[in-house]
């Protein structure tokens, strides 16, 4: 099998497989970073600031590294956006409204 790495991204002979593999890796990274950022931020004196800085300066560049060469599939991009939304809610300290229905 013919394979090489470009910008740290494994590219194989079959074009459709590396799109899928790369997209899956990006989604897995986003989940990992979401949990790491939120747990590190909770232990700090200013959780919102720490979470924002870690997400913008560490997580996003790592998650999206190589995406200018290999595009991320739409399905995984929506999942990554969902993870980013959860981090954003944490940063804004958004508490979901719990409605009590009689």
C-alpha atoms as a PDB file:
ATOM      1  CA  UNK A   1       0.000   0.000   0.000  1.00  0.00           C
ATOM      2  CA  UNK A   2       1.317   3.415  -0.963  1.00  0.00           C
ATOM      3  CA  UNK A   3       1.178   5.927   1.910  1.00  0.00           C
ATOM      4  CA  UNK A   4       2.956   9.082   2.990  1.00  0.00           C
ATOM      5  CA  UNK A   5       2.609  11.827   5.569  1.00  0.00           C
ATOM      6  CA  UNK A   6       2.059  15.467   4.704  1.00  0.00           C
ATOM      7  CA  UNK A   7       1.837  18.018   7.520  1.00  0.00           C
ATOM      8  CA  UNK A   8       1.532  15.103   9.932  1.00  0.00           C
ATOM      9  CA  UNK A   9      -1.517  13.726   8.110  1.00  0.00           C
ATOM     10  CA  UNK A  10      -1.346  10.192   6.767  1.00  0.00           C
ATOM     11  CA  UNK A  11      -2.291  10.103   3.080  1.00  0.00           C
ATOM     12  CA  UNK A  12      -2.939   6.715   1.509  1.00  0.00           C
ATOM     13  CA  UNK A  13      -3.409   5.658  -2.088  1.00  0.00           C
ATOM     14  CA  UNK A  14      -7.215   5.614  -1.875  1.00  0.00           C
ATOM     15  CA  UNK A  15      -8.410   9.208  -1.730  1.00  0.00           C
ATOM     16  CA  UNK A  16     -11.779   8.536  -0.074  1.00  0.00           C
ATOM     17  CA  UNK A  17     -10.221   6.762   2.923  1.00  0.00           C
ATOM     18  CA  UNK A  18      -7.982   9.590   4.025  1.00  0.00           C
ATOM     19  CA  UNK A  19     -10.872  12.050   4.043  1.00  0.00           C
ATOM     20  CA  UNK A  20     -12.787   9.732   6.373  1.00  0.00           C
ATOM     21  CA  UNK A  21      -9.805   8.919   8.590  1.00  0.00           C
ATOM     22  CA  UNK A  22      -8.720  12.552   8.872  1.00  0.00           C
ATOM     23  CA  UNK A  23     -12.253  13.723   9.686  1.00  0.00           C
ATOM     24  CA  UNK A  24     -12.591  11.063  12.383  1.00  0.00           C
ATOM     25  CA  UNK A  25      -9.249  12.078  13.901  1.00  0.00           C
ATOM     26  CA  UNK A  26     -10.314  15.734  14.020  1.00  0.00           C
ATOM     27  CA  UNK A  27     -13.553  14.822  15.801  1.00  0.00           C
ATOM     28  CA  UNK A  28     -11.717  12.632  18.330  1.00  0.00           C
ATOM     29  CA  UNK A  29      -9.273  15.466  19.021  1.00  0.00           C
ATOM     30  CA  UNK A  30     -12.133  17.911  19.566  1.00  0.00           C
ATOM     31  CA  UNK A  31     -13.757  15.623  22.163  1.00  0.00           C
ATOM     32  CA  UNK A  32     -10.435  15.092  23.920  1.00  0.00           C
ATOM     33  CA  UNK A  33      -9.642  18.804  24.014  1.00  0.00           C
ATOM     34  CA  UNK A  34     -13.152  19.705  25.184  1.00  0.00           C
ATOM     35  CA  UNK A  35     -12.798  17.535  28.277  1.00  0.00           C
ATOM     36  CA  UNK A  36      -9.207  18.664  28.910  1.00  0.00           C
ATOM     37  CA  UNK A  37      -9.973  22.364  28.557  1.00  0.00           C
ATOM     38  CA  UNK A  38     -13.027  22.210  30.786  1.00  0.00           C
ATOM     39  CA  UNK A  39     -11.283  20.193  33.507  1.00  0.00           C
ATOM     40  CA  UNK A  40      -8.186  22.430  33.519  1.00  0.00           C
ATOM     41  CA  UNK A  41     -10.336  25.564  33.586  1.00  0.00           C
ATOM     42  CA  UNK A  42     -12.416  24.380  36.558  1.00  0.00           C
ATOM     43  CA  UNK A  43      -9.277  24.252  38.707  1.00  0.00           C
ATOM     44  CA  UNK A  44      -8.275  27.848  37.949  1.00  0.00           C
ATOM     45  CA  UNK A  45      -9.226  31.149  39.569  1.00  0.00           C
ATOM     46  CA  UNK A  46     -10.835  32.437  36.324  1.00  0.00           C
ATOM     47  CA  UNK A  47     -12.373  29.429  34.527  1.00  0.00           C
ATOM     48  CA  UNK A  48     -13.896  31.418  31.660  1.00  0.00           C
ATOM     49  CA  UNK A  49     -10.633  33.128  30.732  1.00  0.00           C
ATOM     50  CA  UNK A  50      -8.562  29.955  31.007  1.00  0.00           C
ATOM     51  CA  UNK A  51     -11.041  27.913  28.964  1.00  0.00           C
ATOM     52  CA  UNK A  52     -11.242  30.565  26.238  1.00  0.00           C
ATOM     53  CA  UNK A  53      -7.475  30.896  25.948  1.00  0.00           C
ATOM     54  CA  UNK A  54      -6.848  27.143  25.962  1.00  0.00           C
ATOM     55  CA  UNK A  55      -9.572  26.499  23.372  1.00  0.00           C
ATOM     56  CA  UNK A  56      -8.520  29.300  21.008  1.00  0.00           C
ATOM     57  CA  UNK A  57      -4.748  29.005  21.314  1.00  0.00           C
ATOM     58  CA  UNK A  58      -4.188  25.289  21.869  1.00  0.00           C
ATOM     59  CA  UNK A  59      -7.212  23.182  20.947  1.00  0.00           C
ATOM     60  CA  UNK A  60      -8.423  24.790  17.714  1.00  0.00           C
ATOM     61  CA  UNK A  61      -5.010  24.928  16.006  1.00  0.00           C
ATOM     62  CA  UNK A  62      -4.406  21.288  16.920  1.00  0.00           C
ATOM     63  CA  UNK A  63      -7.858  20.102  15.847  1.00  0.00           C
ATOM     64  CA  UNK A  64      -7.776  21.928  12.520  1.00  0.00           C
ATOM     65  CA  UNK A  65      -4.102  21.238  11.716  1.00  0.00           C
ATOM     66  CA  UNK A  66      -3.936  19.928   8.166  1.00  0.00           C
ATOM     67  CA  UNK A  67      -7.514  20.860   7.283  1.00  0.00           C
ATOM     68  CA  UNK A  68      -6.262  23.271   4.635  1.00  0.00           C
ATOM     69  CA  UNK A  69      -4.844  20.259   2.789  1.00  0.00           C
ATOM     70  CA  UNK A  70      -7.524  17.660   3.493  1.00  0.00           C
ATOM     71  CA  UNK A  71     -11.051  18.976   4.016  1.00  0.00           C
ATOM     72  CA  UNK A  72     -13.088  17.790   6.986  1.00  0.00           C
ATOM     73  CA  UNK A  73     -16.314  16.035   6.020  1.00  0.00           C
ATOM     74  CA  UNK A  74     -19.574  17.821   6.783  1.00  0.00           C
ATOM     75  CA  UNK A  75     -20.835  15.267   9.293  1.00  0.00           C
ATOM     76  CA  UNK A  76     -17.685  15.457  11.420  1.00  0.00           C
ATOM     77  CA  UNK A  77     -17.578  19.239  11.039  1.00  0.00           C
ATOM     78  CA  UNK A  78     -21.054  19.445  12.578  1.00  0.00           C
ATOM     79  CA  UNK A  79     -19.901  17.213  15.450  1.00  0.00           C
ATOM     80  CA  UNK A  80     -16.820  19.386  16.010  1.00  0.00           C
ATOM     81  CA  UNK A  81     -19.064  22.453  16.000  1.00  0.00           C
ATOM     82  CA  UNK A  82     -21.227  20.808  18.663  1.00  0.00           C
ATOM     83  CA  UNK A  83     -18.160  20.220  20.858  1.00  0.00           C
ATOM     84  CA  UNK A  84     -17.087  23.850  20.353  1.00  0.00           C
ATOM     85  CA  UNK A  85     -20.587  25.004  21.301  1.00  0.00           C
ATOM     86  CA  UNK A  86     -20.364  23.103  24.588  1.00  0.00           C
ATOM     87  CA  UNK A  87     -17.036  24.760  25.348  1.00  0.00           C
ATOM     88  CA  UNK A  88     -18.558  28.130  24.464  1.00  0.00           C
ATOM     89  CA  UNK A  89     -21.440  27.535  26.869  1.00  0.00           C
ATOM     90  CA  UNK A  90     -18.925  26.643  29.559  1.00  0.00           C
ATOM     91  CA  UNK A  91     -16.949  29.829  28.862  1.00  0.00           C
ATOM     92  CA  UNK A  92     -20.099  31.963  29.017  1.00  0.00           C
ATOM     93  CA  UNK A  93     -21.175  30.044  32.135  1.00  0.00           C
ATOM     94  CA  UNK A  94     -24.468  29.277  30.476  1.00  0.00           C
ATOM     95  CA  UNK A  95     -26.683  27.094  32.634  1.00  0.00           C
ATOM     96  CA  UNK A  96     -29.508  25.422  30.716  1.00  0.00           C
ATOM     97  CA  UNK A  97     -32.981  26.255  31.931  1.00  0.00           C
ATOM     98  CA  UNK A  98     -34.657  23.278  33.536  1.00  0.00           C
ATOM     99  CA  UNK A  99     -38.381  23.474  33.170  1.00  0.00           C
ATOM    100  CA  UNK A 100     -40.541  21.701  35.705  1.00  0.00           C
ATOM    101  CA  UNK A 101     -43.744  20.593  34.112  1.00  0.00           C
ATOM    102  CA  UNK A 102     -46.677  19.762  36.398  1.00  0.00           C
END
